[in-house]
Amino acid sequence: MNPLGDLSGAIAGWTDVVAGKPEAKTSFRTDSSGLMAAVVTVIVAALLAAAVQSAASGVPSLLQALLGLLAWAVMIGFVAYTMSRALRSLAPDVTPNALLVPILYAFAFVIVLSIPLDLFNATLIALLVLALMIWRAAQVLGGMTTGVSLAFAALCLIVLVVVSIALYMLLSFIPSA
């Protein structure tokens, strides 16, 4: 497992996805170690975003940091579950990892993109970028039509937003430091 090699492959893969090249599938490792590398990339991006936010507003407690990582894990789990269920009916020949691994790298990109956008309260732009990336991945990597890939991206985005709001409401009961 070479995380930097996987990251450079993911960048090349996303370049091909944006360009609409079907050979983008070969740039992503969709086996279990490739999935683990994508998850680690999301965790590193989330820790980087937390570190930058801590520099601006103070260091969170260890419990808050761990709960934040747990929240990301729950969101990824819900999106993965929703994707696998949706792919069964929308594109039965596409394996869930064929879309999950690229979308996890898109999550990491959007997390890093949201760092400067937080300064301007423009995180909605990051969500729209993520929706566009999921839509394009569903078209190019999943072979879905435009309407089906738009519905797939909307479903993933709705799950991501609803789960994050629900987790925010649950975590608000934990007192801060």
N, C-alpha and C. Protein backbone atom coordinates (compact mmCIF):
# COMPACT_ATOMS: atom_id res chain seq x y z
N MET A 1 0.85 -1.18 0.00
CA MET A 1 0.00 0.00 0.00
C MET A 1 0.88 1.23 0.00
N ASN A 2 0.78 2.01 -1.05
CA ASN A 2 1.54 3.24 -1.20
C ASN A 2 0.56 4.40 -1.26
N PRO A 3 0.32 5.08 -0.12
CA PRO A 3 -0.70 6.14 -0.11
C PRO A 3 -0.42 7.29 -1.09
N LEU A 4 0.86 7.66 -1.24
CA LEU A 4 1.16 8.75 -2.17
C LEU A 4 0.94 8.32 -3.61
N GLY A 5 1.25 7.06 -3.92
CA GLY A 5 0.97 6.54 -5.26
C GLY A 5 -0.52 6.48 -5.53
N ASP A 6 -1.28 6.08 -4.50
CA ASP A 6 -2.74 6.05 -4.65
C ASP A 6 -3.30 7.46 -4.83
N LEU A 7 -2.74 8.42 -4.09
CA LEU A 7 -3.21 9.80 -4.21
C LEU A 7 -2.88 10.37 -5.59
N SER A 8 -1.68 10.12 -6.09
CA SER A 8 -1.35 10.61 -7.43
C SER A 8 -2.19 9.91 -8.49
N GLY A 9 -2.48 8.62 -8.29
CA GLY A 9 -3.38 7.91 -9.21
C GLY A 9 -4.78 8.48 -9.17
N ALA A 10 -5.23 8.86 -7.95
CA ALA A 10 -6.56 9.45 -7.81
C ALA A 10 -6.63 10.81 -8.49
N ILE A 11 -5.58 11.60 -8.38
CA ILE A 11 -5.56 12.91 -9.05
C ILE A 11 -5.61 12.71 -10.57
N ALA A 12 -4.81 11.77 -11.08
CA ALA A 12 -4.85 11.48 -12.51
C ALA A 12 -6.22 10.92 -12.92
N GLY A 13 -6.78 10.08 -12.06
CA GLY A 13 -8.10 9.52 -12.34
C GLY A 13 -9.18 10.58 -12.39
N TRP A 14 -9.14 11.51 -11.44
CA TRP A 14 -10.15 12.57 -11.45
C TRP A 14 -9.97 13.51 -12.63
N THR A 15 -8.74 13.69 -13.08
CA THR A 15 -8.51 14.48 -14.29
C THR A 15 -9.18 13.81 -15.48
N ASP A 16 -9.06 12.46 -15.54
CA ASP A 16 -9.70 11.72 -16.62
C ASP A 16 -11.22 11.71 -16.48
N VAL A 17 -11.72 11.64 -15.23
CA VAL A 17 -13.17 11.66 -15.01
C VAL A 17 -13.75 12.98 -15.48
N VAL A 18 -13.12 14.08 -15.12
CA VAL A 18 -13.61 15.40 -15.53
C VAL A 18 -13.59 15.53 -17.05
N ALA A 19 -12.55 14.94 -17.68
CA ALA A 19 -12.46 14.99 -19.13
C ALA A 19 -13.41 14.01 -19.81
N GLY A 20 -14.00 13.09 -19.03
CA GLY A 20 -14.95 12.14 -19.59
C GLY A 20 -14.32 10.92 -20.21
N LYS A 21 -13.08 10.61 -19.85
CA LYS A 21 -12.39 9.46 -20.43
C LYS A 21 -12.78 8.19 -19.67
N PRO A 22 -13.29 7.18 -20.36
CA PRO A 22 -13.71 5.95 -19.66
C PRO A 22 -12.54 5.16 -19.07
N GLU A 23 -11.33 5.40 -19.53
CA GLU A 23 -10.18 4.69 -18.96
C GLU A 23 -9.79 5.21 -17.58
N ALA A 24 -10.55 6.15 -17.05
CA ALA A 24 -10.29 6.66 -15.70
C ALA A 24 -10.44 5.57 -14.66
N LYS A 25 -11.21 4.53 -14.98
CA LYS A 25 -11.41 3.42 -14.04
C LYS A 25 -10.09 2.78 -13.63
N THR A 26 -9.13 2.77 -14.53
CA THR A 26 -7.85 2.11 -14.23
C THR A 26 -6.96 2.91 -13.29
N SER A 27 -7.27 4.17 -13.08
CA SER A 27 -6.44 5.02 -12.21
C SER A 27 -6.72 4.80 -10.73
N PHE A 28 -7.89 4.27 -10.39
CA PHE A 28 -8.29 4.07 -9.01
C PHE A 28 -8.14 2.60 -8.63
N ARG A 29 -7.53 2.36 -7.49
CA ARG A 29 -7.49 1.00 -6.96
C ARG A 29 -8.76 0.76 -6.17
N THR A 30 -9.56 -0.17 -6.62
CA THR A 30 -10.85 -0.40 -5.98
C THR A 30 -10.87 -1.65 -5.11
N ASP A 31 -9.70 -2.21 -4.84
CA ASP A 31 -9.66 -3.35 -3.91
C ASP A 31 -9.69 -2.83 -2.48
N SER A 32 -9.57 -3.73 -1.53
CA SER A 32 -9.70 -3.32 -0.12
C SER A 32 -8.57 -2.39 0.32
N SER A 33 -7.36 -2.60 -0.17
CA SER A 33 -6.28 -1.69 0.22
C SER A 33 -6.44 -0.33 -0.43
N GLY A 34 -6.98 -0.26 -1.64
CA GLY A 34 -7.26 1.03 -2.27
C GLY A 34 -8.36 1.77 -1.54
N LEU A 35 -9.37 1.01 -1.06
CA LEU A 35 -10.43 1.62 -0.27
C LEU A 35 -9.88 2.16 1.04
N MET A 36 -8.99 1.41 1.67
CA MET A 36 -8.39 1.86 2.93
C MET A 36 -7.54 3.11 2.70
N ALA A 37 -6.81 3.15 1.59
CA ALA A 37 -6.01 4.34 1.29
C ALA A 37 -6.90 5.56 1.08
N ALA A 38 -8.05 5.37 0.44
CA ALA A 38 -8.99 6.49 0.23
C ALA A 38 -9.57 6.96 1.56
N VAL A 39 -9.90 6.02 2.45
CA VAL A 39 -10.42 6.39 3.77
C VAL A 39 -9.36 7.15 4.57
N VAL A 40 -8.12 6.69 4.52
CA VAL A 40 -7.03 7.37 5.23
C VAL A 40 -6.84 8.78 4.67
N THR A 41 -6.99 8.94 3.37
CA THR A 41 -6.87 10.27 2.76
C THR A 41 -7.96 11.20 3.27
N VAL A 42 -9.17 10.70 3.42
CA VAL A 42 -10.26 11.52 3.96
C VAL A 42 -9.96 11.89 5.41
N ILE A 43 -9.45 10.95 6.19
CA ILE A 43 -9.13 11.23 7.59
C ILE A 43 -8.03 12.29 7.69
N VAL A 44 -7.00 12.17 6.86
CA VAL A 44 -5.92 13.16 6.87
C VAL A 44 -6.46 14.53 6.47
N ALA A 45 -7.33 14.57 5.47
CA ALA A 45 -7.92 15.85 5.06
C ALA A 45 -8.77 16.45 6.18
N ALA A 46 -9.53 15.59 6.87
CA ALA A 46 -10.35 16.09 7.98
C ALA A 46 -9.48 16.60 9.13
N LEU A 47 -8.38 15.91 9.41
CA LEU A 47 -7.47 16.37 10.46
C LEU A 47 -6.79 17.69 10.06
N LEU A 48 -6.45 17.83 8.79
CA LEU A 48 -5.87 19.08 8.30
C LEU A 48 -6.86 20.23 8.46
N ALA A 49 -8.11 19.98 8.09
CA ALA A 49 -9.13 21.03 8.24
C ALA A 49 -9.34 21.37 9.71
N ALA A 50 -9.32 20.37 10.58
CA ALA A 50 -9.48 20.62 12.01
C ALA A 50 -8.30 21.41 12.56
N ALA A 51 -7.10 21.12 12.08
CA ALA A 51 -5.92 21.85 12.54
C ALA A 51 -5.98 23.32 12.12
N VAL A 52 -6.41 23.57 10.90
CA VAL A 52 -6.52 24.96 10.44
C VAL A 52 -7.59 25.70 11.22
N GLN A 53 -8.73 25.04 11.45
CA GLN A 53 -9.80 25.67 12.23
C GLN A 53 -9.35 25.90 13.68
N SER A 54 -8.54 24.98 14.20
CA SER A 54 -8.03 25.15 15.57
C SER A 54 -7.11 26.34 15.68
N ALA A 55 -6.35 26.60 14.64
CA ALA A 55 -5.46 27.76 14.67
C ALA A 55 -6.26 29.06 14.72
N ALA A 56 -7.45 29.03 14.13
CA ALA A 56 -8.27 30.24 14.11
C ALA A 56 -9.15 30.39 15.34
N SER A 57 -9.63 29.27 15.89
CA SER A 57 -10.62 29.39 16.96
C SER A 57 -10.27 28.64 18.23
N GLY A 58 -9.12 28.06 18.33
CA GLY A 58 -8.74 27.34 19.53
C GLY A 58 -8.81 25.83 19.34
N VAL A 59 -8.01 25.15 20.12
CA VAL A 59 -7.89 23.70 20.00
C VAL A 59 -9.08 23.02 20.67
N PRO A 60 -9.74 22.09 19.96
CA PRO A 60 -10.85 21.37 20.59
C PRO A 60 -10.30 20.33 21.58
N SER A 61 -11.15 19.88 22.45
CA SER A 61 -10.73 18.84 23.37
C SER A 61 -10.52 17.53 22.61
N LEU A 62 -9.87 16.58 23.26
CA LEU A 62 -9.62 15.30 22.62
C LEU A 62 -10.94 14.60 22.29
N LEU A 63 -11.91 14.71 23.20
CA LEU A 63 -13.21 14.10 22.96
C LEU A 63 -13.89 14.70 21.74
N GLN A 64 -13.82 16.02 21.60
CA GLN A 64 -14.44 16.67 20.44
C GLN A 64 -13.75 16.25 19.15
N ALA A 65 -12.42 16.13 19.17
CA ALA A 65 -11.69 15.70 17.98
C ALA A 65 -12.05 14.27 17.60
N LEU A 66 -12.12 13.39 18.59
CA LEU A 66 -12.48 12.00 18.32
C LEU A 66 -13.92 11.88 17.83
N LEU A 67 -14.82 12.65 18.40
CA LEU A 67 -16.20 12.63 17.95
C LEU A 67 -16.35 13.19 16.54
N GLY A 68 -15.53 14.16 16.21
CA GLY A 68 -15.53 14.68 14.84
C GLY A 68 -15.09 13.63 13.84
N LEU A 69 -14.03 12.87 14.17
CA LEU A 69 -13.60 11.79 13.29
C LEU A 69 -14.65 10.68 13.22
N LEU A 70 -15.29 10.40 14.34
CA LEU A 70 -16.37 9.41 14.34
C LEU A 70 -17.53 9.87 13.46
N ALA A 71 -17.81 11.15 13.50
CA ALA A 71 -18.88 11.70 12.65
C ALA A 71 -18.55 11.51 11.17
N TRP A 72 -17.28 11.74 10.80
CA TRP A 72 -16.88 11.52 9.42
C TRP A 72 -17.02 10.05 9.05
N ALA A 73 -16.64 9.16 9.96
CA ALA A 73 -16.77 7.73 9.69
C ALA A 73 -18.23 7.33 9.50
N VAL A 74 -19.12 7.88 10.32
CA VAL A 74 -20.55 7.57 10.19
C VAL A 74 -21.08 8.10 8.86
N MET A 75 -20.68 9.32 8.49
CA MET A 75 -21.15 9.88 7.22
C MET A 75 -20.67 9.04 6.04
N ILE A 76 -19.40 8.63 6.06
CA ILE A 76 -18.87 7.80 4.99
C ILE A 76 -19.62 6.47 4.95
N GLY A 77 -19.89 5.90 6.11
CA GLY A 77 -20.62 4.64 6.16
C GLY A 77 -22.02 4.76 5.58
N PHE A 78 -22.73 5.82 5.92
CA PHE A 78 -24.08 6.01 5.39
C PHE A 78 -24.06 6.24 3.88
N VAL A 79 -23.10 7.03 3.41
CA VAL A 79 -23.01 7.27 1.97
C VAL A 79 -22.66 5.98 1.24
N ALA A 80 -21.74 5.18 1.81
CA ALA A 80 -21.37 3.91 1.19
C ALA A 80 -22.56 2.96 1.14
N TYR A 81 -23.32 2.90 2.22
CA TYR A 81 -24.49 2.03 2.26
C TYR A 81 -25.54 2.49 1.24
N THR A 82 -25.78 3.79 1.18
CA THR A 82 -26.75 4.33 0.23
C THR A 82 -26.31 4.08 -1.20
N MET A 83 -25.01 4.27 -1.47
CA MET A 83 -24.50 4.03 -2.81
C MET A 83 -24.66 2.57 -3.20
N SER A 84 -24.33 1.66 -2.31
CA SER A 84 -24.42 0.24 -2.66
C SER A 84 -25.86 -0.17 -2.91
N ARG A 85 -26.78 0.36 -2.12
CA ARG A 85 -28.21 0.05 -2.33
C ARG A 85 -28.72 0.66 -3.64
N ALA A 86 -28.31 1.88 -3.92
CA ALA A 86 -28.77 2.54 -5.15
C ALA A 86 -28.18 1.88 -6.38
N LEU A 87 -26.92 1.45 -6.29
CA LEU A 87 -26.28 0.83 -7.45
C LEU A 87 -26.91 -0.50 -7.81
N ARG A 88 -27.51 -1.18 -6.84
CA ARG A 88 -28.17 -2.45 -7.14
C ARG A 88 -29.28 -2.28 -8.15
N SER A 89 -29.99 -1.18 -8.07
CA SER A 89 -31.11 -0.97 -9.00
C SER A 89 -30.74 -0.08 -10.19
N LEU A 90 -29.83 0.86 -9.99
CA LEU A 90 -29.50 1.79 -11.07
C LEU A 90 -28.46 1.24 -12.05
N ALA A 91 -27.45 0.59 -11.51
CA ALA A 91 -26.36 0.06 -12.34
C ALA A 91 -25.86 -1.24 -11.72
N PRO A 92 -26.58 -2.35 -11.94
CA PRO A 92 -26.23 -3.59 -11.25
C PRO A 92 -24.86 -4.16 -11.61
N ASP A 93 -24.32 -3.77 -12.76
CA ASP A 93 -23.00 -4.29 -13.15
C ASP A 93 -21.84 -3.49 -12.56
N VAL A 94 -22.11 -2.40 -11.86
CA VAL A 94 -21.07 -1.57 -11.25
C VAL A 94 -20.90 -1.98 -9.79
N THR A 95 -19.67 -2.27 -9.39
CA THR A 95 -19.41 -2.61 -7.99
C THR A 95 -19.41 -1.33 -7.16
N PRO A 96 -19.83 -1.40 -5.90
CA PRO A 96 -19.85 -0.19 -5.08
C PRO A 96 -18.48 0.47 -4.94
N ASN A 97 -17.42 -0.33 -4.84
CA ASN A 97 -16.09 0.26 -4.68
C ASN A 97 -15.63 1.02 -5.92
N ALA A 98 -16.18 0.67 -7.09
CA ALA A 98 -15.80 1.38 -8.31
C ALA A 98 -16.20 2.85 -8.25
N LEU A 99 -17.23 3.16 -7.48
CA LEU A 99 -17.63 4.56 -7.29
C LEU A 99 -17.24 5.09 -5.92
N LEU A 100 -17.20 4.22 -4.91
CA LEU A 100 -16.91 4.70 -3.56
C LEU A 100 -15.49 5.23 -3.43
N VAL A 101 -14.52 4.53 -4.00
CA VAL A 101 -13.12 4.98 -3.88
C VAL A 101 -12.92 6.36 -4.52
N PRO A 102 -13.37 6.58 -5.77
CA PRO A 102 -13.22 7.94 -6.32
C PRO A 102 -13.99 9.00 -5.54
N ILE A 103 -15.17 8.64 -5.05
CA ILE A 103 -15.97 9.62 -4.31
C ILE A 103 -15.32 9.94 -2.96
N LEU A 104 -14.64 8.99 -2.36
CA LEU A 104 -13.90 9.29 -1.12
C LEU A 104 -12.77 10.27 -1.40
N TYR A 105 -12.09 10.10 -2.51
CA TYR A 105 -11.06 11.09 -2.87
C TYR A 105 -11.70 12.44 -3.15
N ALA A 106 -12.91 12.45 -3.71
CA ALA A 106 -13.62 13.72 -3.91
C ALA A 106 -13.97 14.35 -2.56
N PHE A 107 -14.37 13.52 -1.57
CA PHE A 107 -14.61 14.04 -0.22
C PHE A 107 -13.36 14.74 0.31
N ALA A 108 -12.21 14.07 0.17
CA ALA A 108 -10.96 14.65 0.67
C ALA A 108 -10.66 15.98 -0.02
N PHE A 109 -10.86 16.03 -1.33
CA PHE A 109 -10.64 17.27 -2.07
C PHE A 109 -11.56 18.38 -1.58
N VAL A 110 -12.82 18.04 -1.36
CA VAL A 110 -13.79 19.04 -0.92
C VAL A 110 -13.50 19.50 0.50
N ILE A 111 -13.03 18.60 1.35
CA ILE A 111 -12.66 18.99 2.72
C ILE A 111 -11.53 20.01 2.66
N VAL A 112 -10.52 19.75 1.84
CA VAL A 112 -9.40 20.69 1.72
C VAL A 112 -9.87 21.98 1.07
N LEU A 113 -10.77 21.87 0.08
CA LEU A 113 -11.31 23.07 -0.57
C LEU A 113 -12.12 23.92 0.40
N SER A 114 -12.77 23.27 1.36
CA SER A 114 -13.63 24.02 2.29
C SER A 114 -12.82 24.81 3.32
N ILE A 115 -11.53 24.54 3.46
CA ILE A 115 -10.72 25.27 4.43
C ILE A 115 -10.70 26.77 4.11
N PRO A 116 -10.31 27.18 2.89
CA PRO A 116 -10.37 28.63 2.63
C PRO A 116 -11.81 29.15 2.48
N LEU A 117 -12.73 28.29 2.05
CA LEU A 117 -14.11 28.74 1.89
C LEU A 117 -14.78 29.03 3.23
N ASP A 118 -14.31 28.38 4.30
CA ASP A 118 -14.86 28.66 5.63
C ASP A 118 -14.61 30.11 6.05
N LEU A 119 -13.55 30.69 5.56
CA LEU A 119 -13.24 32.08 5.91
C LEU A 119 -14.31 33.04 5.38
N PHE A 120 -14.95 32.64 4.28
CA PHE A 120 -15.95 33.50 3.65
C PHE A 120 -17.37 32.98 3.83
N ASN A 121 -17.55 32.00 4.70
CA ASN A 121 -18.86 31.36 4.93
C ASN A 121 -19.47 30.88 3.62
N ALA A 122 -18.66 30.25 2.79
CA ALA A 122 -19.10 29.81 1.47
C ALA A 122 -18.97 28.29 1.33
N THR A 123 -19.30 27.55 2.38
CA THR A 123 -19.16 26.10 2.32
C THR A 123 -20.19 25.45 1.40
N LEU A 124 -21.24 26.19 1.05
CA LEU A 124 -22.21 25.66 0.09
C LEU A 124 -21.54 25.40 -1.26
N ILE A 125 -20.55 26.20 -1.60
CA ILE A 125 -19.81 25.99 -2.84
C ILE A 125 -19.11 24.63 -2.81
N ALA A 126 -18.56 24.28 -1.67
CA ALA A 126 -17.88 22.98 -1.54
C ALA A 126 -18.88 21.84 -1.73
N LEU A 127 -20.08 21.97 -1.20
CA LEU A 127 -21.10 20.92 -1.38
C LEU A 127 -21.52 20.81 -2.84
N LEU A 128 -21.63 21.93 -3.53
CA LEU A 128 -21.98 21.89 -4.94
C LEU A 128 -20.87 21.26 -5.78
N VAL A 129 -19.63 21.54 -5.42
CA VAL A 129 -18.50 20.90 -6.11
C VAL A 129 -18.54 19.40 -5.89
N LEU A 130 -18.82 18.97 -4.65
CA LEU A 130 -18.92 17.55 -4.36
C LEU A 130 -20.05 16.90 -5.16
N ALA A 131 -21.19 17.56 -5.24
CA ALA A 131 -22.32 17.00 -6.02
C ALA A 131 -21.95 16.87 -7.49
N LEU A 132 -21.26 17.87 -8.03
CA LEU A 132 -20.83 17.80 -9.43
C LEU A 132 -19.82 16.67 -9.64
N MET A 133 -18.94 16.47 -8.67
CA MET A 133 -17.95 15.39 -8.80
C MET A 133 -18.62 14.02 -8.73
N ILE A 134 -19.60 13.87 -7.84
CA ILE A 134 -20.32 12.60 -7.75
C ILE A 134 -21.11 12.35 -9.05
N TRP A 135 -21.73 13.40 -9.57
CA TRP A 135 -22.48 13.28 -10.82
C TRP A 135 -21.57 12.83 -11.96
N ARG A 136 -20.41 13.46 -12.05
CA ARG A 136 -19.48 13.12 -13.15
C ARG A 136 -18.92 11.71 -12.98
N ALA A 137 -18.63 11.31 -11.74
CA ALA A 137 -18.13 9.96 -11.51
C ALA A 137 -19.18 8.92 -11.85
N ALA A 138 -20.44 9.21 -11.54
CA ALA A 138 -21.51 8.28 -11.87
C ALA A 138 -21.67 8.14 -13.38
N GLN A 139 -21.49 9.23 -14.09
CA GLN A 139 -21.58 9.19 -15.55
C GLN A 139 -20.42 8.42 -16.16
N VAL A 140 -19.20 8.81 -15.79
CA VAL A 140 -18.02 8.26 -16.45
C VAL A 140 -17.67 6.88 -15.93
N LEU A 141 -17.63 6.72 -14.62
CA LEU A 141 -17.20 5.45 -14.04
C LEU A 141 -18.35 4.45 -13.91
N GLY A 142 -19.56 4.95 -13.68
CA GLY A 142 -20.70 4.07 -13.51
C GLY A 142 -21.47 3.81 -14.78
N GLY A 143 -21.20 4.57 -15.83
CA GLY A 143 -21.89 4.38 -17.08
C GLY A 143 -23.36 4.75 -17.03
N MET A 144 -23.74 5.63 -16.12
CA MET A 144 -25.15 6.02 -15.99
C MET A 144 -25.47 7.15 -16.96
N THR A 145 -26.75 7.25 -17.30
CA THR A 145 -27.19 8.36 -18.14
C THR A 145 -27.18 9.65 -17.32
N THR A 146 -27.40 10.76 -17.98
CA THR A 146 -27.32 12.05 -17.29
C THR A 146 -28.37 12.17 -16.18
N GLY A 147 -29.60 11.81 -16.48
CA GLY A 147 -30.66 11.92 -15.47
C GLY A 147 -30.44 10.99 -14.29
N VAL A 148 -30.04 9.77 -14.56
CA VAL A 148 -29.81 8.82 -13.48
C VAL A 148 -28.61 9.24 -12.64
N SER A 149 -27.56 9.73 -13.28
CA SER A 149 -26.39 10.16 -12.52
C SER A 149 -26.69 11.41 -11.69
N LEU A 150 -27.55 12.30 -12.20
CA LEU A 150 -27.97 13.46 -11.40
C LEU A 150 -28.77 13.02 -10.18
N ALA A 151 -29.66 12.06 -10.37
CA ALA A 151 -30.43 11.53 -9.24
C ALA A 151 -29.53 10.84 -8.23
N PHE A 152 -28.54 10.11 -8.72
CA PHE A 152 -27.59 9.44 -7.84
C PHE A 152 -26.79 10.45 -7.03
N ALA A 153 -26.32 11.52 -7.68
CA ALA A 153 -25.56 12.56 -6.98
C ALA A 153 -26.44 13.27 -5.96
N ALA A 154 -27.69 13.55 -6.33
CA ALA A 154 -28.60 14.21 -5.39
C ALA A 154 -28.88 13.31 -4.19
N LEU A 155 -29.06 12.02 -4.42
CA LEU A 155 -29.27 11.09 -3.33
C LEU A 155 -28.08 11.06 -2.37
N CYS A 156 -26.88 10.96 -2.92
CA CYS A 156 -25.68 10.95 -2.08
C CYS A 156 -25.53 12.25 -1.30
N LEU A 157 -25.81 13.37 -1.95
CA LEU A 157 -25.69 14.67 -1.28
C LEU A 157 -26.74 14.83 -0.19
N ILE A 158 -27.96 14.37 -0.46
CA ILE A 158 -29.01 14.45 0.57
C ILE A 158 -28.63 13.61 1.78
N VAL A 159 -28.14 12.41 1.54
CA VAL A 159 -27.72 11.56 2.66
C VAL A 159 -26.60 12.23 3.44
N LEU A 160 -25.64 12.79 2.74
CA LEU A 160 -24.52 13.45 3.42
C LEU A 160 -24.99 14.62 4.26
N VAL A 161 -25.88 15.43 3.74
CA VAL A 161 -26.37 16.61 4.47
C VAL A 161 -27.25 16.20 5.64
N VAL A 162 -28.15 15.25 5.42
CA VAL A 162 -29.06 14.83 6.49
C VAL A 162 -28.29 14.17 7.63
N VAL A 163 -27.34 13.31 7.30
CA VAL A 163 -26.56 12.64 8.35
C VAL A 163 -25.71 13.65 9.10
N SER A 164 -25.11 14.61 8.41
CA SER A 164 -24.28 15.59 9.10
C SER A 164 -25.12 16.47 10.02
N ILE A 165 -26.33 16.83 9.60
CA ILE A 165 -27.21 17.64 10.46
C ILE A 165 -27.65 16.82 11.67
N ALA A 166 -27.99 15.56 11.45
CA ALA A 166 -28.40 14.70 12.57
C ALA A 166 -27.25 14.52 13.56
N LEU A 167 -26.04 14.32 13.05
CA LEU A 167 -24.90 14.17 13.95
C LEU A 167 -24.60 15.47 14.69
N TYR A 168 -24.75 16.59 14.00
CA TYR A 168 -24.55 17.88 14.65
C TYR A 168 -25.52 18.06 15.81
N MET A 169 -26.77 17.66 15.58
CA MET A 169 -27.78 17.80 16.65
C MET A 169 -27.45 16.86 17.80
N LEU A 170 -26.98 15.65 17.51
CA LEU A 170 -26.61 14.73 18.58
C LEU A 170 -25.39 15.19 19.35
N LEU A 171 -24.40 15.72 18.63
CA LEU A 171 -23.16 16.16 19.27
C LEU A 171 -23.35 17.45 20.06
N SER A 172 -24.42 18.17 19.82
CA SER A 172 -24.65 19.42 20.55
C SER A 172 -24.98 19.15 22.01
N PHE A 173 -25.34 17.91 22.34
CA PHE A 173 -25.64 17.58 23.72
C PHE A 173 -24.38 17.35 24.56
N ILE A 174 -23.23 17.21 23.90
CA ILE A 174 -21.98 17.00 24.61
C ILE A 174 -21.40 18.37 24.96
N PRO A 175 -21.11 18.60 26.22
CA PRO A 175 -20.60 19.93 26.61
C PRO A 175 -19.21 20.16 26.05
N SER A 176 -18.91 21.40 25.70
CA SER A 176 -17.59 21.74 25.19
C SER A 176 -16.64 21.95 26.37
N ALA A 177 -15.38 22.02 26.04
CA ALA A 177 -14.34 22.10 27.08
C ALA A 177 -14.39 23.34 27.87
